[in-house]
Every structure is written in structure tokens, then in C-alpha cells.
Amino acid sequence: MKKKFNLWVHSHPEIKGLIMRLNILFLIIIAGFSNVFATSGYSQIAKVTLNMKHSSLEKVLDEIEKQSEYYFIFNQKQIDVNRVVDIQANNELIVNILPLLFKGTDVN
């Protein structure tokens, strides 16, 4: 059966091209549907509420860890965790809070 199909496809090259185009179209459709059903990751929706004045950066990061599923790992030689910061955020995304905490430093 397989040999007969191969002979038939080889005798009609336009069919071979059509089958190849259909395979490519099928892959494009599958890729499109997978993007439609993709959901936001936790990091894009995680929110915290902070009202901390004259607190060390370490305490602020600890509070973010308590309110979320984040865990921060950092080198204390490169980041001054004793630096005093003021942060006030009411139900804000974590990805928006972190740049405020490290504003004016070389930490990204």
C-alpha cells in the first residue's frame, strides 16, 4: 500500500506540493491556537500592598516574600540591604514595585 501511494505522489508533483503546504498550514494553525490559550504568568499578576517608611531594603523584600510566592536571593556584597527606603503601594504589581525599590542603583 505504501509503495502504491509513493508512486502516485511521485507521478503527480502538484499533489506533493499541496501536501507540504497543508502540513505547514496545520503547524501555523496549531501555533496560533496555542498562543490564544496562553495565560499570564504569576509574575505578571502578583500584587502586594506595602506601607513602609524608613525601612531597610531587606525588611521590604521580606514583606514582599510574605505576601507573595516570590523568594529573593542576592549577594549582600553587591546589594546594600541596609539601605533605607520608603515605599507605599496599594495592591500594586510586584514588577512595578521592584524598579522603585532599586531606583538610583545599578541593580536591575
PDB file of N, CA and C in Angstrom:
ATOM      1  N   MET A   1       0.817  -1.186   0.000  1.00  0.00           N
ATOM      2  CA  MET A   1       0.000   0.000   0.000  1.00  0.00           C
ATOM      3  C   MET A   1       0.864   1.255   0.000  1.00  0.00           C
ATOM      4  N   LYS A   2       1.927   1.231   0.804  1.00  0.00           N
ATOM      5  CA  LYS A   2       2.784   2.394   0.907  1.00  0.00           C
ATOM      6  C   LYS A   2       3.482   2.672  -0.419  1.00  0.00           C
ATOM      7  N   LYS A   3       3.942   1.631  -1.094  1.00  0.00           N
ATOM      8  CA  LYS A   3       4.620   1.818  -2.359  1.00  0.00           C
ATOM      9  C   LYS A   3       3.680   2.409  -3.406  1.00  0.00           C
ATOM     10  N   LYS A   4       2.437   1.975  -3.415  1.00  0.00           N
ATOM     11  CA  LYS A   4       1.480   2.496  -4.377  1.00  0.00           C
ATOM     12  C   LYS A   4       1.222   3.979  -4.125  1.00  0.00           C
ATOM     13  N   PHE A   5       1.130   4.373  -2.844  1.00  0.00           N
ATOM     14  CA  PHE A   5       0.906   5.780  -2.523  1.00  0.00           C
ATOM     15  C   PHE A   5       2.101   6.620  -2.958  1.00  0.00           C
ATOM     16  N   ASN A   6       3.316   6.152  -2.664  1.00  0.00           N
ATOM     17  CA  ASN A   6       4.505   6.889  -3.060  1.00  0.00           C
ATOM     18  C   ASN A   6       4.598   7.025  -4.571  1.00  0.00           C
ATOM     19  N   LEU A   7       4.277   5.982  -5.315  1.00  0.00           N
ATOM     20  CA  LEU A   7       4.315   6.070  -6.773  1.00  0.00           C
ATOM     21  C   LEU A   7       3.290   7.073  -7.275  1.00  0.00           C
ATOM     22  N   TRP A   8       2.131   7.100  -6.651  1.00  0.00           N
ATOM     23  CA  TRP A   8       1.073   8.003  -7.062  1.00  0.00           C
ATOM     24  C   TRP A   8       1.469   9.458  -6.789  1.00  0.00           C
ATOM     25  N   VAL A   9       2.110   9.718  -5.614  1.00  0.00           N
ATOM     26  CA  VAL A   9       2.544  11.068  -5.273  1.00  0.00           C
ATOM     27  C   VAL A   9       3.665  11.509  -6.202  1.00  0.00           C
ATOM     28  N   HIS A  10       4.591  10.630  -6.498  1.00  0.00           N
ATOM     29  CA  HIS A  10       5.702  10.999  -7.369  1.00  0.00           C
ATOM     30  C   HIS A  10       5.243  11.235  -8.805  1.00  0.00           C
ATOM     31  N   SER A  11       4.181  10.571  -9.201  1.00  0.00           N
ATOM     32  CA  SER A  11       3.702  10.787 -10.565  1.00  0.00           C
ATOM     33  C   SER A  11       2.890  12.073 -10.673  1.00  0.00           C
ATOM     34  N   HIS A  12       2.472  12.654  -9.547  1.00  0.00           N
ATOM     35  CA  HIS A  12       1.733  13.915  -9.526  1.00  0.00           C
ATOM     36  C   HIS A  12       2.453  14.894  -8.600  1.00  0.00           C
ATOM     37  N   PRO A  13       3.448  15.637  -9.075  1.00  0.00           N
ATOM     38  CA  PRO A  13       4.236  16.525  -8.204  1.00  0.00           C
ATOM     39  C   PRO A  13       3.405  17.657  -7.590  1.00  0.00           C
ATOM     40  N   GLU A  14       2.319  18.061  -8.249  1.00  0.00           N
ATOM     41  CA  GLU A  14       1.493  19.121  -7.656  1.00  0.00           C
ATOM     42  C   GLU A  14       0.806  18.638  -6.382  1.00  0.00           C
ATOM     43  N   ILE A  15       0.508  17.352  -6.284  1.00  0.00           N
ATOM     44  CA  ILE A  15      -0.075  16.777  -5.069  1.00  0.00           C
ATOM     45  C   ILE A  15       0.943  16.825  -3.933  1.00  0.00           C
ATOM     46  N   LYS A  16       2.197  16.531  -4.255  1.00  0.00           N
ATOM     47  CA  LYS A  16       3.255  16.554  -3.232  1.00  0.00           C
ATOM     48  C   LYS A  16       3.399  17.966  -2.662  1.00  0.00           C
ATOM     49  N   GLY A  17       3.367  18.969  -3.533  1.00  0.00           N
ATOM     50  CA  GLY A  17       3.449  20.364  -3.073  1.00  0.00           C
ATOM     51  C   GLY A  17       2.248  20.751  -2.230  1.00  0.00           C
ATOM     52  N   LEU A  18       1.068  20.278  -2.619  1.00  0.00           N
ATOM     53  CA  LEU A  18      -0.142  20.571  -1.863  1.00  0.00           C
ATOM     54  C   LEU A  18      -0.088  19.952  -0.472  1.00  0.00           C
ATOM     55  N   ILE A  19       0.381  18.728  -0.386  1.00  0.00           N
ATOM     56  CA  ILE A  19       0.506  18.061   0.917  1.00  0.00           C
ATOM     57  C   ILE A  19       1.489  18.811   1.804  1.00  0.00           C
ATOM     58  N   MET A  20       2.577  19.296   1.239  1.00  0.00           N
ATOM     59  CA  MET A  20       3.570  20.040   2.012  1.00  0.00           C
ATOM     60  C   MET A  20       2.961  21.354   2.515  1.00  0.00           C
ATOM     61  N   ARG A  21       2.204  22.050   1.662  1.00  0.00           N
ATOM     62  CA  ARG A  21       1.564  23.299   2.079  1.00  0.00           C
ATOM     63  C   ARG A  21       0.528  23.053   3.175  1.00  0.00           C
ATOM     64  N   LEU A  22      -0.209  21.978   3.069  1.00  0.00           N
ATOM     65  CA  LEU A  22      -1.197  21.650   4.097  1.00  0.00           C
ATOM     66  C   LEU A  22      -0.530  21.349   5.442  1.00  0.00           C
ATOM     67  N   ASN A  23       0.611  20.678   5.408  1.00  0.00           N
ATOM     68  CA  ASN A  23       1.348  20.400   6.651  1.00  0.00           C
ATOM     69  C   ASN A  23       1.816  21.698   7.302  1.00  0.00           C
ATOM     70  N   ILE A  24       2.326  22.613   6.496  1.00  0.00           N
ATOM     71  CA  ILE A  24       2.788  23.898   7.028  1.00  0.00           C
ATOM     72  C   ILE A  24       1.615  24.688   7.580  1.00  0.00           C
ATOM     73  N   LEU A  25       0.492  24.695   6.856  1.00  0.00           N
ATOM     74  CA  LEU A  25      -0.699  25.389   7.320  1.00  0.00           C
ATOM     75  C   LEU A  25      -1.189  24.807   8.641  1.00  0.00           C
ATOM     76  N   PHE A  26      -1.163  23.499   8.775  1.00  0.00           N
ATOM     77  CA  PHE A  26      -1.576  22.835  10.009  1.00  0.00           C
ATOM     78  C   PHE A  26      -0.688  23.281  11.179  1.00  0.00           C
ATOM     79  N   LEU A  27       0.620  23.359  10.976  1.00  0.00           N
ATOM     80  CA  LEU A  27       1.532  23.807  12.037  1.00  0.00           C
ATOM     81  C   LEU A  27       1.263  25.251  12.423  1.00  0.00           C
ATOM     82  N   ILE A  28       0.974  26.099  11.440  1.00  0.00           N
ATOM     83  CA  ILE A  28       0.682  27.504  11.737  1.00  0.00           C
ATOM     84  C   ILE A  28      -0.610  27.618  12.547  1.00  0.00           C
ATOM     85  N   ILE A  29      -1.616  26.843  12.188  1.00  0.00           N
ATOM     86  CA  ILE A  29      -2.885  26.874  12.927  1.00  0.00           C
ATOM     87  C   ILE A  29      -2.684  26.400  14.356  1.00  0.00           C
ATOM     88  N   ILE A  30      -1.932  25.334  14.553  1.00  0.00           N
ATOM     89  CA  ILE A  30      -1.662  24.827  15.914  1.00  0.00           C
ATOM     90  C   ILE A  30      -0.913  25.879  16.730  1.00  0.00           C
ATOM     91  N   ALA A  31       0.094  26.532  16.140  1.00  0.00           N
ATOM     92  CA  ALA A  31       0.844  27.570  16.852  1.00  0.00           C
ATOM     93  C   ALA A  31      -0.070  28.741  17.206  1.00  0.00           C
ATOM     94  N   GLY A  32      -0.963  29.107  16.319  1.00  0.00           N
ATOM     95  CA  GLY A  32      -1.895  30.199  16.596  1.00  0.00           C
ATOM     96  C   GLY A  32      -2.832  29.884  17.741  1.00  0.00           C
ATOM     97  N   PHE A  33      -3.370  28.681  17.775  1.00  0.00           N
ATOM     98  CA  PHE A  33      -4.261  28.295  18.868  1.00  0.00           C
ATOM     99  C   PHE A  33      -3.526  28.210  20.193  1.00  0.00           C
ATOM    100  N   SER A  34      -2.283  27.791  20.180  1.00  0.00           N
ATOM    101  CA  SER A  34      -1.551  27.715  21.444  1.00  0.00           C
ATOM    102  C   SER A  34      -1.322  29.108  22.014  1.00  0.00           C
ATOM    103  N   ASN A  35      -1.140  30.122  21.168  1.00  0.00           N
ATOM    104  CA  ASN A  35      -0.985  31.490  21.659  1.00  0.00           C
ATOM    105  C   ASN A  35      -2.302  32.053  22.177  1.00  0.00           C
ATOM    106  N   VAL A  36      -3.399  31.655  21.605  1.00  0.00           N
ATOM    107  CA  VAL A  36      -4.699  32.140  22.046  1.00  0.00           C
ATOM    108  C   VAL A  36      -5.008  31.644  23.445  1.00  0.00           C
ATOM    109  N   PHE A  37      -4.641  30.424  23.753  1.00  0.00           N
ATOM    110  CA  PHE A  37      -4.959  29.838  25.046  1.00  0.00           C
ATOM    111  C   PHE A  37      -3.875  30.046  26.094  1.00  0.00           C
ATOM    112  N   ALA A  38      -2.837  30.790  25.774  1.00  0.00           N
ATOM    113  CA  ALA A  38      -1.771  31.060  26.744  1.00  0.00           C
ATOM    114  C   ALA A  38      -2.312  31.982  27.832  1.00  0.00           C
ATOM    115  N   THR A  39      -1.886  31.754  29.061  1.00  0.00           N
ATOM    116  CA  THR A  39      -2.344  32.569  30.183  1.00  0.00           C
ATOM    117  C   THR A  39      -1.177  33.373  30.733  1.00  0.00           C
ATOM    118  N   SER A  40      -1.507  34.390  31.489  1.00  0.00           N
ATOM    119  CA  SER A  40      -0.487  35.214  32.115  1.00  0.00           C
ATOM    120  C   SER A  40       0.212  34.420  33.207  1.00  0.00           C
ATOM    121  N   GLY A  41       1.496  34.652  33.356  1.00  0.00           N
ATOM    122  CA  GLY A  41       2.251  34.001  34.413  1.00  0.00           C
ATOM    123  C   GLY A  41       2.015  34.678  35.747  1.00  0.00           C
ATOM    124  N   TYR A  42       2.404  34.011  36.797  1.00  0.00           N
ATOM    125  CA  TYR A  42       2.195  34.554  38.144  1.00  0.00           C
ATOM    126  C   TYR A  42       2.901  35.890  38.311  1.00  0.00           C
ATOM    127  N   SER A  43       4.087  36.030  37.719  1.00  0.00           N
ATOM    128  CA  SER A  43       4.842  37.265  37.895  1.00  0.00           C
ATOM    129  C   SER A  43       4.137  38.466  37.282  1.00  0.00           C
ATOM    130  N   GLN A  44       3.240  38.240  36.334  1.00  0.00           N
ATOM    131  CA  GLN A  44       2.536  39.339  35.701  1.00  0.00           C
ATOM    132  C   GLN A  44       1.279  39.742  36.452  1.00  0.00           C
ATOM    133  N   ILE A  45       0.829  38.917  37.390  1.00  0.00           N
ATOM    134  CA  ILE A  45      -0.409  39.231  38.102  1.00  0.00           C
ATOM    135  C   ILE A  45      -0.228  39.326  39.614  1.00  0.00           C
ATOM    136  N   ALA A  46       0.969  39.039  40.125  1.00  0.00           N
ATOM    137  CA  ALA A  46       1.209  39.058  41.573  1.00  0.00           C
ATOM    138  C   ALA A  46       1.170  40.495  42.087  1.00  0.00           C
ATOM    139  N   LYS A  47       0.330  40.731  43.098  1.00  0.00           N
ATOM    140  CA  LYS A  47       0.179  42.067  43.661  1.00  0.00           C
ATOM    141  C   LYS A  47       0.419  42.029  45.161  1.00  0.00           C
ATOM    142  N   VAL A  48       0.953  43.131  45.687  1.00  0.00           N
ATOM    143  CA  VAL A  48       1.190  43.260  47.125  1.00  0.00           C
ATOM    144  C   VAL A  48       0.779  44.653  47.580  1.00  0.00           C
ATOM    145  N   THR A  49       0.565  44.782  48.866  1.00  0.00           N
ATOM    146  CA  THR A  49       0.272  46.071  49.484  1.00  0.00           C
ATOM    147  C   THR A  49       1.357  46.349  50.507  1.00  0.00           C
ATOM    148  N   LEU A  50       2.030  47.488  50.337  1.00  0.00           N
ATOM    149  CA  LEU A  50       3.128  47.865  51.227  1.00  0.00           C
ATOM    150  C   LEU A  50       2.926  49.294  51.699  1.00  0.00           C
ATOM    151  N   ASN A  51       3.213  49.528  52.966  1.00  0.00           N
ATOM    152  CA  ASN A  51       3.221  50.876  53.521  1.00  0.00           C
ATOM    153  C   ASN A  51       4.365  50.920  54.517  1.00  0.00           C
ATOM    154  N   MET A  52       5.563  51.095  54.002  1.00  0.00           N
ATOM    155  CA  MET A  52       6.753  51.025  54.841  1.00  0.00           C
ATOM    156  C   MET A  52       7.574  52.297  54.652  1.00  0.00           C
ATOM    157  N   LYS A  53       7.839  52.957  55.778  1.00  0.00           N
ATOM    158  CA  LYS A  53       8.636  54.183  55.748  1.00  0.00           C
ATOM    159  C   LYS A  53       9.867  53.970  56.606  1.00  0.00           C
ATOM    160  N   HIS A  54      10.973  54.458  56.114  1.00  0.00           N
ATOM    161  CA  HIS A  54      12.261  54.351  56.804  1.00  0.00           C
ATOM    162  C   HIS A  54      12.566  52.908  57.177  1.00  0.00           C
ATOM    163  N   SER A  55      12.329  52.007  56.246  1.00  0.00           N
ATOM    164  CA  SER A  55      12.602  50.582  56.461  1.00  0.00           C
ATOM    165  C   SER A  55      13.803  50.165  55.624  1.00  0.00           C
ATOM    166  N   SER A  56      14.488  49.166  56.102  1.00  0.00           N
ATOM    167  CA  SER A  56      15.619  48.666  55.328  1.00  0.00           C
ATOM    168  C   SER A  56      15.095  47.900  54.116  1.00  0.00           C
ATOM    169  N   LEU A  57      15.900  47.857  53.090  1.00  0.00           N
ATOM    170  CA  LEU A  57      15.530  47.147  51.874  1.00  0.00           C
ATOM    171  C   LEU A  57      15.269  45.679  52.177  1.00  0.00           C
ATOM    172  N   GLU A  58      16.022  45.127  53.101  1.00  0.00           N
ATOM    173  CA  GLU A  58      15.847  43.727  53.487  1.00  0.00           C
ATOM    174  C   GLU A  58      14.454  43.480  54.074  1.00  0.00           C
ATOM    175  N   LYS A  59      13.966  44.380  54.915  1.00  0.00           N
ATOM    176  CA  LYS A  59      12.635  44.230  55.500  1.00  0.00           C
ATOM    177  C   LYS A  59      11.547  44.336  54.431  1.00  0.00           C
ATOM    178  N   VAL A  60      11.734  45.228  53.487  1.00  0.00           N
ATOM    179  CA  VAL A  60      10.746  45.381  52.409  1.00  0.00           C
ATOM    180  C   VAL A  60      10.692  44.113  51.560  1.00  0.00           C
ATOM    181  N   LEU A  61      11.852  43.570  51.217  1.00  0.00           N
ATOM    182  CA  LEU A  61      11.885  42.343  50.430  1.00  0.00           C
ATOM    183  C   LEU A  61      11.281  41.171  51.211  1.00  0.00           C
ATOM    184  N   ASP A  62      11.515  41.135  52.518  1.00  0.00           N
ATOM    185  CA  ASP A  62      10.899  40.092  53.350  1.00  0.00           C
ATOM    186  C   ASP A  62       9.373  40.208  53.337  1.00  0.00           C
ATOM    187  N   GLU A  63       8.873  41.431  53.381  1.00  0.00           N
ATOM    188  CA  GLU A  63       7.423  41.634  53.363  1.00  0.00           C
ATOM    189  C   GLU A  63       6.831  41.208  52.012  1.00  0.00           C
ATOM    190  N   ILE A  64       7.538  41.485  50.930  1.00  0.00           N
ATOM    191  CA  ILE A  64       7.069  41.033  49.612  1.00  0.00           C
ATOM    192  C   ILE A  64       7.050  39.509  49.566  1.00  0.00           C
ATOM    193  N   GLU A  65       8.053  38.876  50.144  1.00  0.00           N
ATOM    194  CA  GLU A  65       8.086  37.411  50.192  1.00  0.00           C
ATOM    195  C   GLU A  65       6.905  36.853  50.991  1.00  0.00           C
ATOM    196  N   LYS A  66       6.538  37.518  52.078  1.00  0.00           N
ATOM    197  CA  LYS A  66       5.420  37.046  52.900  1.00  0.00           C
ATOM    198  C   LYS A  66       4.090  37.140  52.155  1.00  0.00           C
ATOM    199  N   GLN A  67       3.925  38.193  51.358  1.00  0.00           N
ATOM    200  CA  GLN A  67       2.649  38.425  50.685  1.00  0.00           C
ATOM    201  C   GLN A  67       2.546  37.722  49.326  1.00  0.00           C
ATOM    202  N   SER A  68       3.632  37.149  48.873  1.00  0.00           N
ATOM    203  CA  SER A  68       3.610  36.523  47.547  1.00  0.00           C
ATOM    204  C   SER A  68       4.357  35.192  47.594  1.00  0.00           C
ATOM    205  N   GLU A  69       4.508  34.609  46.424  1.00  0.00           N
ATOM    206  CA  GLU A  69       5.261  33.359  46.300  1.00  0.00           C
ATOM    207  C   GLU A  69       6.689  33.611  45.827  1.00  0.00           C
ATOM    208  N   TYR A  70       7.130  34.852  45.882  1.00  0.00           N
ATOM    209  CA  TYR A  70       8.488  35.201  45.476  1.00  0.00           C
ATOM    210  C   TYR A  70       9.472  34.893  46.595  1.00  0.00           C
ATOM    211  N   TYR A  71      10.681  34.526  46.201  1.00  0.00           N
ATOM    212  CA  TYR A  71      11.807  34.406  47.124  1.00  0.00           C
ATOM    213  C   TYR A  71      12.982  35.100  46.469  1.00  0.00           C
ATOM    214  N   PHE A  72      13.613  36.021  47.205  1.00  0.00           N
ATOM    215  CA  PHE A  72      14.715  36.795  46.660  1.00  0.00           C
ATOM    216  C   PHE A  72      16.037  36.220  47.148  1.00  0.00           C
ATOM    217  N   ILE A  73      16.923  36.017  46.215  1.00  0.00           N
ATOM    218  CA  ILE A  73      18.277  35.565  46.517  1.00  0.00           C
ATOM    219  C   ILE A  73      19.214  36.621  45.951  1.00  0.00           C
ATOM    220  N   PHE A  74      20.106  37.124  46.782  1.00  0.00           N
ATOM    221  CA  PHE A  74      21.005  38.180  46.335  1.00  0.00           C
ATOM    222  C   PHE A  74      22.308  38.103  47.102  1.00  0.00           C
ATOM    223  N   ASN A  75      23.323  38.738  46.547  1.00  0.00           N
ATOM    224  CA  ASN A  75      24.631  38.803  47.165  1.00  0.00           C
ATOM    225  C   ASN A  75      24.704  40.095  47.970  1.00  0.00           C
ATOM    226  N   GLN A  76      24.873  39.978  49.283  1.00  0.00           N
ATOM    227  CA  GLN A  76      24.887  41.161  50.144  1.00  0.00           C
ATOM    228  C   GLN A  76      26.123  42.025  49.929  1.00  0.00           C
ATOM    229  N   LYS A  77      27.116  41.501  49.230  1.00  0.00           N
ATOM    230  CA  LYS A  77      28.287  42.313  48.899  1.00  0.00           C
ATOM    231  C   LYS A  77      27.986  43.259  47.738  1.00  0.00           C
ATOM    232  N   GLN A  78      27.017  42.890  46.922  1.00  0.00           N
ATOM    233  CA  GLN A  78      26.682  43.710  45.763  1.00  0.00           C
ATOM    234  C   GLN A  78      25.460  44.591  45.982  1.00  0.00           C
ATOM    235  N   ILE A  79      24.593  44.207  46.916  1.00  0.00           N
ATOM    236  CA  ILE A  79      23.378  44.967  47.182  1.00  0.00           C
ATOM    237  C   ILE A  79      23.380  45.399  48.641  1.00  0.00           C
ATOM    238  N   ASP A  80      23.187  46.674  48.858  1.00  0.00           N
ATOM    239  CA  ASP A  80      23.139  47.214  50.212  1.00  0.00           C
ATOM    240  C   ASP A  80      21.735  46.988  50.777  1.00  0.00           C
ATOM    241  N   VAL A  81      21.569  45.899  51.529  1.00  0.00           N
ATOM    242  CA  VAL A  81      20.255  45.559  52.072  1.00  0.00           C
ATOM    243  C   VAL A  81      19.894  46.417  53.277  1.00  0.00           C
ATOM    244  N   ASN A  82      20.848  47.157  53.815  1.00  0.00           N
ATOM    245  CA  ASN A  82      20.580  48.034  54.949  1.00  0.00           C
ATOM    246  C   ASN A  82      20.167  49.432  54.504  1.00  0.00           C
ATOM    247  N   ARG A  83      20.127  49.643  53.204  1.00  0.00           N
ATOM    248  CA  ARG A  83      19.724  50.952  52.660  1.00  0.00           C
ATOM    249  C   ARG A  83      18.278  51.227  53.061  1.00  0.00           C
ATOM    250  N   VAL A  84      18.029  52.436  53.530  1.00  0.00           N
ATOM    251  CA  VAL A  84      16.685  52.812  53.995  1.00  0.00           C
ATOM    252  C   VAL A  84      15.856  53.271  52.801  1.00  0.00           C
ATOM    253  N   VAL A  85      14.643  52.708  52.695  1.00  0.00           N
ATOM    254  CA  VAL A  85      13.745  53.066  51.597  1.00  0.00           C
ATOM    255  C   VAL A  85      12.358  53.365  52.149  1.00  0.00           C
ATOM    256  N   ASP A  86      11.616  54.140  51.389  1.00  0.00           N
ATOM    257  CA  ASP A  86      10.207  54.398  51.670  1.00  0.00           C
ATOM    258  C   ASP A  86       9.415  53.862  50.501  1.00  0.00           C
ATOM    259  N   ILE A  87       8.417  53.056  50.790  1.00  0.00           N
ATOM    260  CA  ILE A  87       7.586  52.501  49.720  1.00  0.00           C
ATOM    261  C   ILE A  87       6.142  52.463  50.194  1.00  0.00           C
ATOM    262  N   GLN A  88       5.284  52.944  49.339  1.00  0.00           N
ATOM    263  CA  GLN A  88       3.848  52.887  49.620  1.00  0.00           C
ATOM    264  C   GLN A  88       3.171  52.388  48.352  1.00  0.00           C
ATOM    265  N   ALA A  89       2.546  51.234  48.459  1.00  0.00           N
ATOM    266  CA  ALA A  89       1.887  50.623  47.307  1.00  0.00           C
ATOM    267  C   ALA A  89       0.628  49.920  47.792  1.00  0.00           C
ATOM    268  N   ASN A  90      -0.454  50.176  47.104  1.00  0.00           N
ATOM    269  CA  ASN A  90      -1.722  49.563  47.474  1.00  0.00           C
ATOM    270  C   ASN A  90      -2.170  48.651  46.336  1.00  0.00           C
ATOM    271  N   ASN A  91      -2.031  47.355  46.560  1.00  0.00           N
ATOM    272  CA  ASN A  91      -2.435  46.355  45.570  1.00  0.00           C
ATOM    273  C   ASN A  91      -1.737  46.584  44.225  1.00  0.00           C
ATOM    274  N   GLU A  92      -0.430  46.783  44.272  1.00  0.00           N
ATOM    275  CA  GLU A  92       0.377  47.052  43.075  1.00  0.00           C
ATOM    276  C   GLU A  92       1.077  45.782  42.608  1.00  0.00           C
ATOM    277  N   LEU A  93       1.329  45.733  41.314  1.00  0.00           N
ATOM    278  CA  LEU A  93       2.084  44.611  40.756  1.00  0.00           C
ATOM    279  C   LEU A  93       3.518  44.647  41.262  1.00  0.00           C
ATOM    280  N   ILE A  94       4.057  43.487  41.557  1.00  0.00           N
ATOM    281  CA  ILE A  94       5.430  43.403  42.051  1.00  0.00           C
ATOM    282  C   ILE A  94       6.416  43.894  40.995  1.00  0.00           C
ATOM    283  N   VAL A  95       6.115  43.619  39.740  1.00  0.00           N
ATOM    284  CA  VAL A  95       7.028  44.055  38.679  1.00  0.00           C
ATOM    285  C   VAL A  95       7.079  45.577  38.580  1.00  0.00           C
ATOM    286  N   ASN A  96       6.100  46.278  39.138  1.00  0.00           N
ATOM    287  CA  ASN A  96       6.134  47.742  39.169  1.00  0.00           C
ATOM    288  C   ASN A  96       6.796  48.268  40.437  1.00  0.00           C
ATOM    289  N   ILE A  97       6.778  47.478  41.501  1.00  0.00           N
ATOM    290  CA  ILE A  97       7.356  47.916  42.773  1.00  0.00           C
ATOM    291  C   ILE A  97       8.878  47.773  42.787  1.00  0.00           C
ATOM    292  N   LEU A  98       9.382  46.683  42.244  1.00  0.00           N
ATOM    293  CA  LEU A  98      10.826  46.431  42.318  1.00  0.00           C
ATOM    294  C   LEU A  98      11.671  47.539  41.687  1.00  0.00           C
ATOM    295  N   PRO A  99      11.312  48.077  40.517  1.00  0.00           N
ATOM    296  CA  PRO A  99      12.114  49.189  39.989  1.00  0.00           C
ATOM    297  C   PRO A  99      12.126  50.409  40.906  1.00  0.00           C
ATOM    298  N   LEU A 100      11.037  50.640  41.638  1.00  0.00           N
ATOM    299  CA  LEU A 100      11.008  51.763  42.583  1.00  0.00           C
ATOM    300  C   LEU A 100      11.966  51.534  43.745  1.00  0.00           C
ATOM    301  N   LEU A 101      12.070  50.282  44.185  1.00  0.00           N
ATOM    302  CA  LEU A 101      12.966  49.970  45.297  1.00  0.00           C
ATOM    303  C   LEU A 101      14.433  50.157  44.932  1.00  0.00           C
ATOM    304  N   PHE A 102      14.759  49.867  43.688  1.00  0.00           N
ATOM    305  CA  PHE A 102      16.159  49.917  43.273  1.00  0.00           C
ATOM    306  C   PHE A 102      16.480  51.141  42.424  1.00  0.00           C
ATOM    307  N   LYS A 103      15.610  52.132  42.463  1.00  0.00           N
ATOM    308  CA  LYS A 103      15.836  53.372  41.702  1.00  0.00           C
ATOM    309  C   LYS A 103      17.079  54.078  42.234  1.00  0.00           C
ATOM    310  N   GLY A 104      17.922  54.504  41.347  1.00  0.00           N
ATOM    311  CA  GLY A 104      19.150  55.204  41.747  1.00  0.00           C
ATOM    312  C   GLY A 104      20.304  54.265  42.024  1.00  0.00           C
ATOM    313  N   THR A 105      20.103  52.974  41.825  1.00  0.00           N
ATOM    314  CA  THR A 105      21.190  51.994  41.994  1.00  0.00           C
ATOM    315  C   THR A 105      21.446  51.324  40.655  1.00  0.00           C
ATOM    316  N   ASP A 106      22.470  50.516  40.603  1.00  0.00           N
ATOM    317  CA  ASP A 106      22.777  49.814  39.362  1.00  0.00           C
ATOM    318  C   ASP A 106      22.170  48.403  39.336  1.00  0.00           C
ATOM    319  N   VAL A 107      21.162  48.177  40.164  1.00  0.00           N
ATOM    320  CA  VAL A 107      20.503  46.877  40.242  1.00  0.00           C
ATOM    321  C   VAL A 107      19.308  46.879  39.299  1.00  0.00           C
ATOM    322  N   ASN A 108      19.214  45.842  38.485  1.00  0.00           N
ATOM    323  CA  ASN A 108      18.073  45.700  37.568  1.00  0.00           C
ATOM    324  C   ASN A 108      17.219  44.538  37.986  1.00  0.00           C
TER     325      ASN A 108
END
